[in-house]
């Protein structure tokens, strides 16, 4: 059995037509039909119901289709990853979520470049969820993200748990809590701006999950495009916003920030890599992370899952 036979079969299933599949594969219909028949003979089963229009798989054919898709996907991923590993000494592609530019990521990348001038670094903005697929396809080599996303092909290393802060207007009635801090249960009646308004899961999903874990239901959460828009609306007196502590360095007027007292109110900062990746850049980037964290007096977690 060859991979091309699997591709032929999968295409016929997805197109539900021998004719359309032949056009998509750029081959003639009779040879395609013969290849499908040959595959059935090799397997000793019928993959398609005879005479059905559109083409329908048998129960065994549907089972075989699901595994054929997995085989083709894993083969493509392995080929892409092997190609990336072969060029690792020349370039390292790093995915990141934009909010980490306010944290320590720029210092880490700068130090890595200084320590390894022979390696070209390419920074690519990706949401945490998108980083997982980009890693599996070899489009990036490692990713810095904020969400708790698990995938059997990816190893996630927790670097730190960054506390959240509440951004409010300087004349907001909650300013009385600036010194002592505030619990999330005290803000559920306020209009809360959340971000980003992108494919889930995202930072907005994380915020909602924290409320849910605490048994809280905010009355008014509004998703906006990105953090600057959220803080701009808060600066205008429209509501409040939960942000990572490092993002409080964004220089926007009229804002003050209140510590959140709930232990659950944090965003994880993680480094994601491919599970089987033994490339030398991983210990090198981890060493830079340790050095920057030590210089900033921030404890580093380095917990893998």
Protein backbone atom coordinates (compact mmCIF):
# COMPACT_ATOMS: atom_id res chain seq x y z
CA UNK A 1 0.00 0.00 0.00
CA UNK A 2 1.39 3.38 -1.01
CA UNK A 3 0.66 6.83 0.37
CA UNK A 4 -0.69 7.91 -3.01
CA UNK A 5 -3.36 5.20 -2.75
CA UNK A 6 -4.43 6.69 0.58
CA UNK A 7 -4.55 10.16 -0.98
CA UNK A 8 -6.68 8.84 -3.85
CA UNK A 9 -9.08 7.15 -1.45
CA UNK A 10 -9.38 10.16 0.88
CA UNK A 11 -10.03 12.49 -2.05
CA UNK A 12 -12.81 10.28 -3.40
CA UNK A 13 -14.44 10.16 0.04
CA UNK A 14 -14.25 13.93 0.49
CA UNK A 15 -15.42 14.75 -3.05
CA UNK A 16 -18.12 12.02 -2.96
CA UNK A 17 -17.43 11.50 -6.65
CA UNK A 18 -14.85 9.60 -8.70
CA UNK A 19 -15.12 12.22 -11.43
CA UNK A 20 -14.55 15.21 -9.14
CA UNK A 21 -11.76 13.40 -7.31
CA UNK A 22 -10.01 12.63 -10.62
CA UNK A 23 -10.21 16.29 -11.60
CA UNK A 24 -8.81 17.41 -8.25
CA UNK A 25 -5.98 14.85 -8.43
CA UNK A 26 -5.28 15.72 -12.09
CA UNK A 27 -5.54 12.12 -13.25
CA UNK A 28 -7.96 10.32 -15.55
CA UNK A 29 -11.05 8.68 -14.07
CA UNK A 30 -10.38 5.06 -15.21
CA UNK A 31 -6.91 4.83 -13.59
CA UNK A 32 -8.34 6.31 -10.37
CA UNK A 33 -11.12 3.73 -10.33
CA UNK A 34 -8.56 0.94 -10.87
CA UNK A 35 -6.40 2.22 -8.00
CA UNK A 36 -9.41 2.26 -5.65
CA UNK A 37 -10.33 -1.27 -6.75
CA UNK A 38 -6.73 -2.38 -6.21
CA UNK A 39 -6.79 -0.89 -2.70
CA UNK A 40 -10.01 -2.78 -1.90
CA UNK A 41 -8.45 -6.02 -3.14
CA UNK A 42 -5.35 -5.45 -1.04
CA UNK A 43 -7.44 -4.77 2.07
CA UNK A 44 -9.94 -7.51 1.31
CA UNK A 45 -12.94 -5.25 1.98
CA UNK A 46 -15.38 -3.02 0.12
CA UNK A 47 -14.62 0.63 0.79
CA UNK A 48 -17.57 2.08 -1.14
CA UNK A 49 -21.17 1.08 -1.59
CA UNK A 50 -21.69 -0.08 -5.15
CA UNK A 51 -23.96 2.06 -7.35
CA UNK A 52 -24.47 4.85 -4.80
CA UNK A 53 -24.71 8.44 -6.05
CA UNK A 54 -23.10 10.43 -4.54
CA UNK A 55 -20.36 7.97 -3.64
CA UNK A 56 -20.81 6.62 -0.11
CA UNK A 57 -18.38 4.70 2.05
CA UNK A 58 -19.24 1.39 3.68
CA UNK A 59 -18.94 1.18 7.46
CA UNK A 60 -15.49 -0.36 7.04
CA UNK A 61 -14.63 2.31 4.46
CA UNK A 62 -15.53 5.11 6.87
CA UNK A 63 -13.33 3.54 9.57
CA UNK A 64 -10.45 3.22 7.10
CA UNK A 65 -10.96 6.84 5.96
CA UNK A 66 -10.52 8.21 9.49
CA UNK A 67 -7.22 6.37 9.90
CA UNK A 68 -6.05 7.23 6.38
CA UNK A 69 -6.50 10.93 7.15
CA UNK A 70 -4.44 10.53 10.33
CA UNK A 71 -1.67 8.72 8.46
CA UNK A 72 -1.47 11.40 5.76
CA UNK A 73 -1.55 14.18 8.37
CA UNK A 74 1.19 12.62 10.49
CA UNK A 75 3.33 11.98 7.41
CA UNK A 76 3.04 15.60 6.31
CA UNK A 77 3.86 16.81 9.84
CA UNK A 78 6.87 14.50 10.12
CA UNK A 79 8.23 15.66 6.76
CA UNK A 80 7.77 19.32 7.67
CA UNK A 81 9.35 18.88 11.11
CA UNK A 82 12.31 16.96 9.66
CA UNK A 83 12.89 19.77 7.18
CA UNK A 84 12.79 22.36 9.96
CA UNK A 85 15.21 20.38 12.13
CA UNK A 86 17.67 20.20 9.22
CA UNK A 87 17.82 24.03 9.11
CA UNK A 88 17.68 24.69 12.85
CA UNK A 89 21.27 25.95 13.01
CA UNK A 90 20.40 28.72 10.58
CA UNK A 91 17.07 30.08 11.79
CA UNK A 92 14.70 29.70 14.74
CA UNK A 93 11.09 30.80 14.24
CA UNK A 94 9.42 31.91 17.46
CA UNK A 95 5.68 32.35 17.81
CA UNK A 96 4.35 34.78 20.40
CA UNK A 97 1.17 36.42 21.62
CA UNK A 98 1.30 40.19 21.35
CA UNK A 99 0.67 40.91 25.05
CA UNK A 100 3.99 39.24 25.92
CA UNK A 101 5.79 42.17 24.30
CA UNK A 102 4.88 44.05 27.48
CA UNK A 103 6.38 41.28 29.63
CA UNK A 104 9.94 39.95 29.48
CA UNK A 105 9.88 38.37 26.03
CA UNK A 106 11.78 41.23 24.30
CA UNK A 107 14.61 40.92 26.85
CA UNK A 108 14.73 37.14 26.36
CA UNK A 109 14.89 37.41 22.57
CA UNK A 110 17.51 40.15 22.69
CA UNK A 111 19.72 38.08 25.02
CA UNK A 112 19.31 35.00 22.84
CA UNK A 113 20.42 36.99 19.80
CA UNK A 114 23.45 38.35 21.67
CA UNK A 115 24.48 34.90 22.89
CA UNK A 116 23.92 33.18 19.53
CA UNK A 117 24.66 35.65 16.72
CA UNK A 118 25.03 32.73 14.27
CA UNK A 119 21.32 31.90 14.60
CA UNK A 120 18.76 34.00 12.80
CA UNK A 121 15.61 34.65 14.86
CA UNK A 122 12.26 35.24 13.20
CA UNK A 123 9.37 36.42 15.37
CA UNK A 124 5.86 35.48 14.22
CA UNK A 125 2.73 36.69 16.00
CA UNK A 126 0.35 33.78 16.67
CA UNK A 127 -2.41 33.27 19.19
CA UNK A 128 -1.68 30.43 21.64
CA UNK A 129 -4.14 28.10 19.90
CA UNK A 130 -2.65 28.84 16.47
CA UNK A 131 0.84 28.16 17.82
CA UNK A 132 -0.06 24.51 18.44
CA UNK A 133 -0.91 23.89 14.79
CA UNK A 134 2.05 25.99 13.61
CA UNK A 135 4.40 23.86 15.74
CA UNK A 136 2.99 20.61 14.38
CA UNK A 137 3.32 21.85 10.81
CA UNK A 138 6.88 23.10 11.37
CA UNK A 139 5.96 26.73 10.71
CA UNK A 140 7.47 27.75 14.07
CA UNK A 141 9.99 26.05 16.36
CA UNK A 142 8.70 27.23 19.70
CA UNK A 143 5.90 29.42 20.96
CA UNK A 144 5.32 31.76 23.88
CA UNK A 145 1.66 31.86 24.91
CA UNK A 146 -0.77 32.46 27.73
CA UNK A 147 -3.44 29.75 27.59
CA UNK A 148 -3.72 26.30 29.14
CA UNK A 149 -3.96 24.29 25.91
CA UNK A 150 -3.00 20.61 25.80
CA UNK A 151 -2.04 18.53 22.77
CA UNK A 152 -0.31 15.12 22.78
CA UNK A 153 2.19 16.30 20.14
CA UNK A 154 3.21 19.40 22.09
CA UNK A 155 5.14 19.89 25.32
CA UNK A 156 4.14 22.97 27.29
CA UNK A 157 6.61 24.40 29.83
CA UNK A 158 5.05 26.73 32.39
CA UNK A 159 7.44 29.64 32.97
CA UNK A 160 5.45 31.74 35.42
CA UNK A 161 1.97 32.60 36.64
CA UNK A 162 1.48 36.29 35.98
CA UNK A 163 -1.07 37.98 38.23
CA UNK A 164 -3.94 39.92 36.77
CA UNK A 165 -4.76 43.52 37.55
CA UNK A 166 -7.95 45.52 37.23
CA UNK A 167 -7.71 48.59 34.99
CA UNK A 168 -10.15 51.39 35.92
CA UNK A 169 -10.54 55.12 35.30
CA UNK A 170 -8.71 57.25 37.86
CA UNK A 171 -12.06 58.69 39.03
CA UNK A 172 -13.88 55.34 39.18
CA UNK A 173 -15.62 54.50 42.46
CA UNK A 174 -13.44 51.35 42.82
CA UNK A 175 -10.28 53.45 43.29
CA UNK A 176 -10.77 53.08 47.06
CA UNK A 177 -9.40 49.52 46.66
CA UNK A 178 -6.08 50.54 45.06
CA UNK A 179 -4.06 49.99 48.21
CA UNK A 180 -5.73 46.85 49.60
CA UNK A 181 -6.66 45.10 46.37
CA UNK A 182 -10.00 43.71 45.22
CA UNK A 183 -11.72 40.34 44.73
CA UNK A 184 -13.40 39.42 41.46
CA UNK A 185 -16.67 38.90 43.33
CA UNK A 186 -16.69 42.68 43.93
CA UNK A 187 -16.71 43.59 40.23
CA UNK A 188 -19.33 41.25 38.69
CA UNK A 189 -21.91 44.06 38.52
CA UNK A 190 -19.54 46.34 36.57
CA UNK A 191 -19.35 46.54 32.75
CA UNK A 192 -16.20 44.56 31.91
CA UNK A 193 -14.30 44.83 28.64
CA UNK A 194 -12.65 41.60 27.52
CA UNK A 195 -10.32 40.94 24.60
CA UNK A 196 -9.50 39.83 21.97
CA UNK A 197 -12.52 39.21 19.76
CA UNK A 198 -10.80 36.38 17.89
CA UNK A 199 -11.16 32.63 17.46
CA UNK A 200 -11.62 30.82 20.77
CA UNK A 201 -9.91 29.88 22.99
CA UNK A 202 -8.17 33.18 23.69
CA UNK A 203 -7.41 35.52 26.60
CA UNK A 204 -11.09 36.38 26.86
CA UNK A 205 -11.83 32.68 27.30
CA UNK A 206 -9.27 32.52 30.11
CA UNK A 207 -10.91 35.44 31.95
CA UNK A 208 -14.35 33.85 31.64
CA UNK A 209 -13.01 30.52 32.92
CA UNK A 210 -11.55 32.20 36.01
CA UNK A 211 -14.94 33.68 36.86
CA UNK A 212 -16.56 30.30 36.25
CA UNK A 213 -14.04 28.45 38.47
CA UNK A 214 -14.90 30.89 41.25
CA UNK A 215 -18.63 30.34 40.74
CA UNK A 216 -19.11 33.93 39.54
CA UNK A 217 -21.26 35.20 36.66
CA UNK A 218 -20.43 38.75 35.52
CA UNK A 219 -23.52 40.63 34.38
CA UNK A 220 -21.94 42.51 31.48
CA UNK A 221 -18.84 41.30 29.61
CA UNK A 222 -18.18 42.93 26.24
CA UNK A 223 -15.52 41.55 23.88
CA UNK A 224 -13.48 44.06 21.88
CA UNK A 225 -10.83 43.62 19.22
CA UNK A 226 -7.64 44.01 21.28
CA UNK A 227 -6.16 45.30 24.53
CA UNK A 228 -5.57 48.89 23.40
CA UNK A 229 -9.22 49.25 22.46
CA UNK A 230 -10.29 47.79 25.81
CA UNK A 231 -8.05 50.16 27.76
CA UNK A 232 -9.10 53.10 25.59
CA UNK A 233 -12.73 52.45 26.51
CA UNK A 234 -11.79 52.18 30.19
CA UNK A 235 -9.87 55.46 29.87
CA UNK A 236 -13.09 56.98 28.54
CA UNK A 237 -14.99 55.88 31.63
CA UNK A 238 -17.01 53.18 29.82
CA UNK A 239 -16.14 50.29 32.13
CA UNK A 240 -13.29 48.22 33.58
CA UNK A 241 -10.87 45.61 32.23
CA UNK A 242 -8.77 42.71 33.52
CA UNK A 243 -5.23 42.65 32.12
CA UNK A 244 -1.92 40.87 32.79
CA UNK A 245 0.18 42.75 35.34
CA UNK A 246 2.91 43.53 32.79
CA UNK A 247 0.38 45.24 30.49
CA UNK A 248 -0.14 47.96 33.11
CA UNK A 249 3.00 49.53 31.64
CA UNK A 250 0.98 50.58 28.59
CA UNK A 251 1.09 54.36 28.79
CA UNK A 252 -2.57 55.30 28.52
CA UNK A 253 -3.91 58.35 30.33
CA UNK A 254 -6.51 58.37 33.12
CA UNK A 255 -5.92 54.74 34.11
CA UNK A 256 -5.06 53.24 37.48
CA UNK A 257 -4.58 49.56 38.32
CA UNK A 258 -5.83 47.52 41.28
CA UNK A 259 -4.28 44.20 42.37
CA UNK A 260 -6.63 41.17 42.18
CA UNK A 261 -6.63 39.19 45.43
CA UNK A 262 -8.06 35.89 44.15
CA UNK A 263 -5.30 33.25 43.88
CA UNK A 264 -6.95 31.94 40.71
CA UNK A 265 -6.60 35.34 38.99
CA UNK A 266 -3.48 34.75 36.95
CA UNK A 267 -2.48 34.09 33.36
CA UNK A 268 0.08 31.34 32.70
CA UNK A 269 3.06 32.22 30.55
CA UNK A 270 4.22 29.07 28.80
CA UNK A 271 6.80 27.92 26.29
CA UNK A 272 5.46 25.34 23.84
CA UNK A 273 7.68 23.00 21.80
CA UNK A 274 7.24 19.78 19.83
CA UNK A 275 7.28 16.74 22.11
CA UNK A 276 10.11 14.92 20.34
CA UNK A 277 12.18 17.99 19.53
CA UNK A 278 15.78 17.57 20.69
CA UNK A 279 17.13 20.67 18.94
CA UNK A 280 19.86 22.63 20.74
CA UNK A 281 17.97 25.94 20.67
CA UNK A 282 15.56 24.76 23.42
CA UNK A 283 18.11 24.61 26.29
CA UNK A 284 19.67 27.78 24.89
CA UNK A 285 16.40 29.74 25.03
CA UNK A 286 15.61 28.31 28.48
CA UNK A 287 18.97 29.52 29.75
CA UNK A 288 18.19 33.03 28.46
CA UNK A 289 14.78 32.92 30.15
CA UNK A 290 16.37 31.93 33.47
CA UNK A 291 18.92 34.73 33.23
CA UNK A 292 16.34 37.42 32.44
CA UNK A 293 13.97 36.22 35.17
CA UNK A 294 16.81 36.19 37.72
CA UNK A 295 17.82 39.73 36.76
CA UNK A 296 14.22 40.88 37.23
CA UNK A 297 13.85 39.02 40.54
CA UNK A 298 11.01 36.86 39.18
CA UNK A 299 10.83 33.20 40.19
CA UNK A 300 10.73 30.81 37.24
CA UNK A 301 8.46 27.75 37.27
CA UNK A 302 9.78 25.51 34.45
CA UNK A 303 7.00 22.97 35.00
CA UNK A 304 6.33 20.78 31.96
CA UNK A 305 3.12 19.01 30.99
